[in-house]
Amino acid sequence: QVQFVESGGGLVQSGGSLNLSCVVSGIDFSNYAVGWYRRSPGKQRELVAVITSVRSFHYGDSVKGRCTVSRDNLEHEVKLQIHSLTSDDTAVYYCDAESGYTDYWGQGTQVTVSS
């Protein structure tokens, strides 16, 4: 059974930083691309950041230059950090683990950026 434990969401100040963590169990973590997507009200889900099993990085256009994604294969953890937050970063953030054959999603964590 695949389980996600997402943490770090909540209310954050505009101009500040966001730190999210996701621990995934029940998969061969090191062989999965892991990362984060988000969905803002009235918008489609979009890529935030993904790090592949060979540690190549993919960032969404809206966060490039102010976002870092990292992974710890021993702890089965993927972390996300976004700086210089604006109201456009308000969204539900979803942790994702994808192997090319299977795609698993966390339940999502709400992030609200306050001005």
C-alpha atoms as a PDB file:
ATOM      1  CA  GLN A   1       0.000   0.000   0.000  1.00  0.00           C
ATOM      2  CA  VAL A   2       1.403   3.344  -1.074  1.00  0.00           C
ATOM      3  CA  GLN A   3       1.197   6.068   1.531  1.00  0.00           C
ATOM      4  CA  PHE A   4       2.127   9.736   1.469  1.00  0.00           C
ATOM      5  CA  VAL A   5       2.794  11.979   4.433  1.00  0.00           C
ATOM      6  CA  GLU A   6       2.820  15.581   3.253  1.00  0.00           C
ATOM      7  CA  SER A   7       3.711  18.362   5.648  1.00  0.00           C
ATOM      8  CA  GLY A   8       4.590  22.027   5.711  1.00  0.00           C
ATOM      9  CA  GLY A   9       1.513  23.627   4.221  1.00  0.00           C
ATOM     10  CA  GLY A  10      -0.625  26.309   5.770  1.00  0.00           C
ATOM     11  CA  LEU A  11      -0.606  30.072   5.845  1.00  0.00           C
ATOM     12  CA  VAL A  12       2.578  31.798   4.682  1.00  0.00           C
ATOM     13  CA  GLN A  13       3.365  35.456   4.185  1.00  0.00           C
ATOM     14  CA  SER A  14       3.795  37.122   0.833  1.00  0.00           C
ATOM     15  CA  GLY A  15       7.476  37.551   0.091  1.00  0.00           C
ATOM     16  CA  GLY A  16       8.362  34.694   2.390  1.00  0.00           C
ATOM     17  CA  SER A  17       9.368  31.105   1.778  1.00  0.00           C
ATOM     18  CA  LEU A  18       7.528  27.820   1.628  1.00  0.00           C
ATOM     19  CA  ASN A  19       8.957  24.498   2.720  1.00  0.00           C
ATOM     20  CA  LEU A  20       7.087  21.294   1.982  1.00  0.00           C
ATOM     21  CA  SER A  21       8.047  17.724   2.762  1.00  0.00           C
ATOM     22  CA  CYS A  22       6.624  14.462   1.484  1.00  0.00           C
ATOM     23  CA  VAL A  23       7.549  11.016   2.756  1.00  0.00           C
ATOM     24  CA  VAL A  24       6.424   8.132   0.587  1.00  0.00           C
ATOM     25  CA  SER A  25       6.192   4.511   1.672  1.00  0.00           C
ATOM     26  CA  GLY A  26       5.183   1.361  -0.171  1.00  0.00           C
ATOM     27  CA  ILE A  27       7.202   1.948  -3.339  1.00  0.00           C
ATOM     28  CA  ASP A  28      10.777   1.451  -4.520  1.00  0.00           C
ATOM     29  CA  PHE A  29      11.375   5.127  -3.943  1.00  0.00           C
ATOM     30  CA  SER A  30      14.788   5.419  -5.572  1.00  0.00           C
ATOM     31  CA  ASN A  31      13.371   4.259  -8.920  1.00  0.00           C
ATOM     32  CA  TYR A  32      10.617   6.868  -9.036  1.00  0.00           C
ATOM     33  CA  ALA A  33      10.543  10.425 -10.231  1.00  0.00           C
ATOM     34  CA  VAL A  34       9.143  12.409  -7.321  1.00  0.00           C
ATOM     35  CA  GLY A  35       7.997  15.948  -6.962  1.00  0.00           C
ATOM     36  CA  TRP A  36       5.183  18.407  -6.600  1.00  0.00           C
ATOM     37  CA  TYR A  37       2.267  19.727  -8.603  1.00  0.00           C
ATOM     38  CA  ARG A  38      -0.288  22.281  -7.584  1.00  0.00           C
ATOM     39  CA  ARG A  39      -3.810  23.376  -8.386  1.00  0.00           C
ATOM     40  CA  SER A  40      -4.972  26.918  -7.814  1.00  0.00           C
ATOM     41  CA  PRO A  41      -8.667  27.838  -7.657  1.00  0.00           C
ATOM     42  CA  GLY A  42     -10.137  27.907 -11.147  1.00  0.00           C
ATOM     43  CA  LYS A  43      -6.961  26.624 -12.772  1.00  0.00           C
ATOM     44  CA  GLN A  44      -5.662  23.326 -14.018  1.00  0.00           C
ATOM     45  CA  ARG A  45      -3.071  21.351 -12.156  1.00  0.00           C
ATOM     46  CA  GLU A  46       0.438  22.487 -13.029  1.00  0.00           C
ATOM     47  CA  LEU A  47       3.946  21.248 -12.532  1.00  0.00           C
ATOM     48  CA  VAL A  48       5.898  22.825  -9.707  1.00  0.00           C
ATOM     49  CA  ALA A  49       9.035  20.722  -9.588  1.00  0.00           C
ATOM     50  CA  VAL A  50      10.105  17.139 -10.192  1.00  0.00           C
ATOM     51  CA  ILE A  51      13.382  15.334  -9.574  1.00  0.00           C
ATOM     52  CA  THR A  52      13.884  12.093 -11.451  1.00  0.00           C
ATOM     53  CA  SER A  53      15.512   8.886 -10.285  1.00  0.00           C
ATOM     54  CA  VAL A  54      18.734   9.980 -11.977  1.00  0.00           C
ATOM     55  CA  ARG A  55      18.476  13.425 -10.359  1.00  0.00           C
ATOM     56  CA  SER A  56      17.519  15.499 -13.342  1.00  0.00           C
ATOM     57  CA  PHE A  57      15.294  18.445 -12.490  1.00  0.00           C
ATOM     58  CA  HIS A  58      12.166  19.874 -14.040  1.00  0.00           C
ATOM     59  CA  TYR A  59      10.639  23.132 -12.841  1.00  0.00           C
ATOM     60  CA  GLY A  60       7.416  24.821 -13.793  1.00  0.00           C
ATOM     61  CA  ASP A  61       7.724  28.167 -15.512  1.00  0.00           C
ATOM     62  CA  SER A  62       5.919  29.955 -12.705  1.00  0.00           C
ATOM     63  CA  VAL A  63       8.517  28.965 -10.100  1.00  0.00           C
ATOM     64  CA  LYS A  64      11.754  28.829 -12.079  1.00  0.00           C
ATOM     65  CA  GLY A  65      14.552  30.691 -10.360  1.00  0.00           C
ATOM     66  CA  ARG A  66      12.908  30.674  -6.938  1.00  0.00           C
ATOM     67  CA  CYS A  67      12.277  26.997  -6.341  1.00  0.00           C
ATOM     68  CA  THR A  68      14.380  24.042  -5.223  1.00  0.00           C
ATOM     69  CA  VAL A  69      13.379  20.388  -5.121  1.00  0.00           C
ATOM     70  CA  SER A  70      15.475  17.707  -3.448  1.00  0.00           C
ATOM     71  CA  ARG A  71      15.198  14.045  -2.559  1.00  0.00           C
ATOM     72  CA  ASP A  72      16.560  11.710   0.082  1.00  0.00           C
ATOM     73  CA  ASN A  73      16.333   8.118  -1.087  1.00  0.00           C
ATOM     74  CA  LEU A  74      17.241   6.707   2.308  1.00  0.00           C
ATOM     75  CA  GLU A  75      14.428   8.605   4.018  1.00  0.00           C
ATOM     76  CA  HIS A  76      12.023   8.247   1.053  1.00  0.00           C
ATOM     77  CA  GLU A  77      11.515  11.981   1.214  1.00  0.00           C
ATOM     78  CA  VAL A  78      11.099  14.726  -1.344  1.00  0.00           C
ATOM     79  CA  LYS A  79      11.321  18.354  -0.286  1.00  0.00           C
ATOM     80  CA  LEU A  80      10.215  21.547  -1.962  1.00  0.00           C
ATOM     81  CA  GLN A  81      11.284  25.085  -1.224  1.00  0.00           C
ATOM     82  CA  ILE A  82       9.851  28.181  -2.919  1.00  0.00           C
ATOM     83  CA  HIS A  83      11.060  31.711  -2.211  1.00  0.00           C
ATOM     84  CA  SER A  84       9.538  35.138  -2.883  1.00  0.00           C
ATOM     85  CA  LEU A  85       5.984  33.931  -2.536  1.00  0.00           C
ATOM     86  CA  THR A  86       3.053  35.802  -4.057  1.00  0.00           C
ATOM     87  CA  SER A  87      -0.677  35.254  -4.004  1.00  0.00           C
ATOM     88  CA  ASP A  88      -0.284  33.311  -7.253  1.00  0.00           C
ATOM     89  CA  ASP A  89       1.413  30.582  -5.228  1.00  0.00           C
ATOM     90  CA  THR A  90      -1.773  29.947  -3.274  1.00  0.00           C
ATOM     91  CA  ALA A  91      -2.838  26.424  -4.196  1.00  0.00           C
ATOM     92  CA  VAL A  92      -3.250  22.861  -3.073  1.00  0.00           C
ATOM     93  CA  TYR A  93       0.143  21.226  -3.473  1.00  0.00           C
ATOM     94  CA  TYR A  94       0.252  17.543  -4.353  1.00  0.00           C
ATOM     95  CA  CYS A  95       3.164  15.190  -3.918  1.00  0.00           C
ATOM     96  CA  ASP A  96       3.640  12.807  -6.829  1.00  0.00           C
ATOM     97  CA  ALA A  97       5.646   9.630  -7.387  1.00  0.00           C
ATOM     98  CA  GLU A  98       5.830   8.324 -10.938  1.00  0.00           C
ATOM     99  CA  SER A  99       7.719   5.436 -12.489  1.00  0.00           C
ATOM    100  CA  GLY A 100       6.555   5.550 -16.083  1.00  0.00           C
ATOM    101  CA  TYR A 101       4.263   2.628 -15.401  1.00  0.00           C
ATOM    102  CA  THR A 102       2.502   3.865 -12.302  1.00  0.00           C
ATOM    103  CA  ASP A 103       1.682   7.278 -10.898  1.00  0.00           C
ATOM    104  CA  TYR A 104       0.800   7.834  -7.268  1.00  0.00           C
ATOM    105  CA  TRP A 105      -0.523  11.016  -5.663  1.00  0.00           C
ATOM    106  CA  GLY A 106      -0.640  12.349  -2.172  1.00  0.00           C
ATOM    107  CA  GLN A 107      -3.808  13.808  -0.714  1.00  0.00           C
ATOM    108  CA  GLY A 108      -2.591  17.377  -1.109  1.00  0.00           C
ATOM    109  CA  THR A 109      -1.744  20.137   1.310  1.00  0.00           C
ATOM    110  CA  GLN A 110      -3.220  23.629   1.183  1.00  0.00           C
ATOM    111  CA  VAL A 111      -0.866  26.579   0.957  1.00  0.00           C
ATOM    112  CA  THR A 112      -2.291  30.062   1.298  1.00  0.00           C
ATOM    113  CA  VAL A 113      -0.105  33.105   0.753  1.00  0.00           C
ATOM    114  CA  SER A 114      -1.294  36.113   2.708  1.00  0.00           C
ATOM    115  CA  SER A 115      -0.516  39.678   1.714  1.00  0.00           C
END
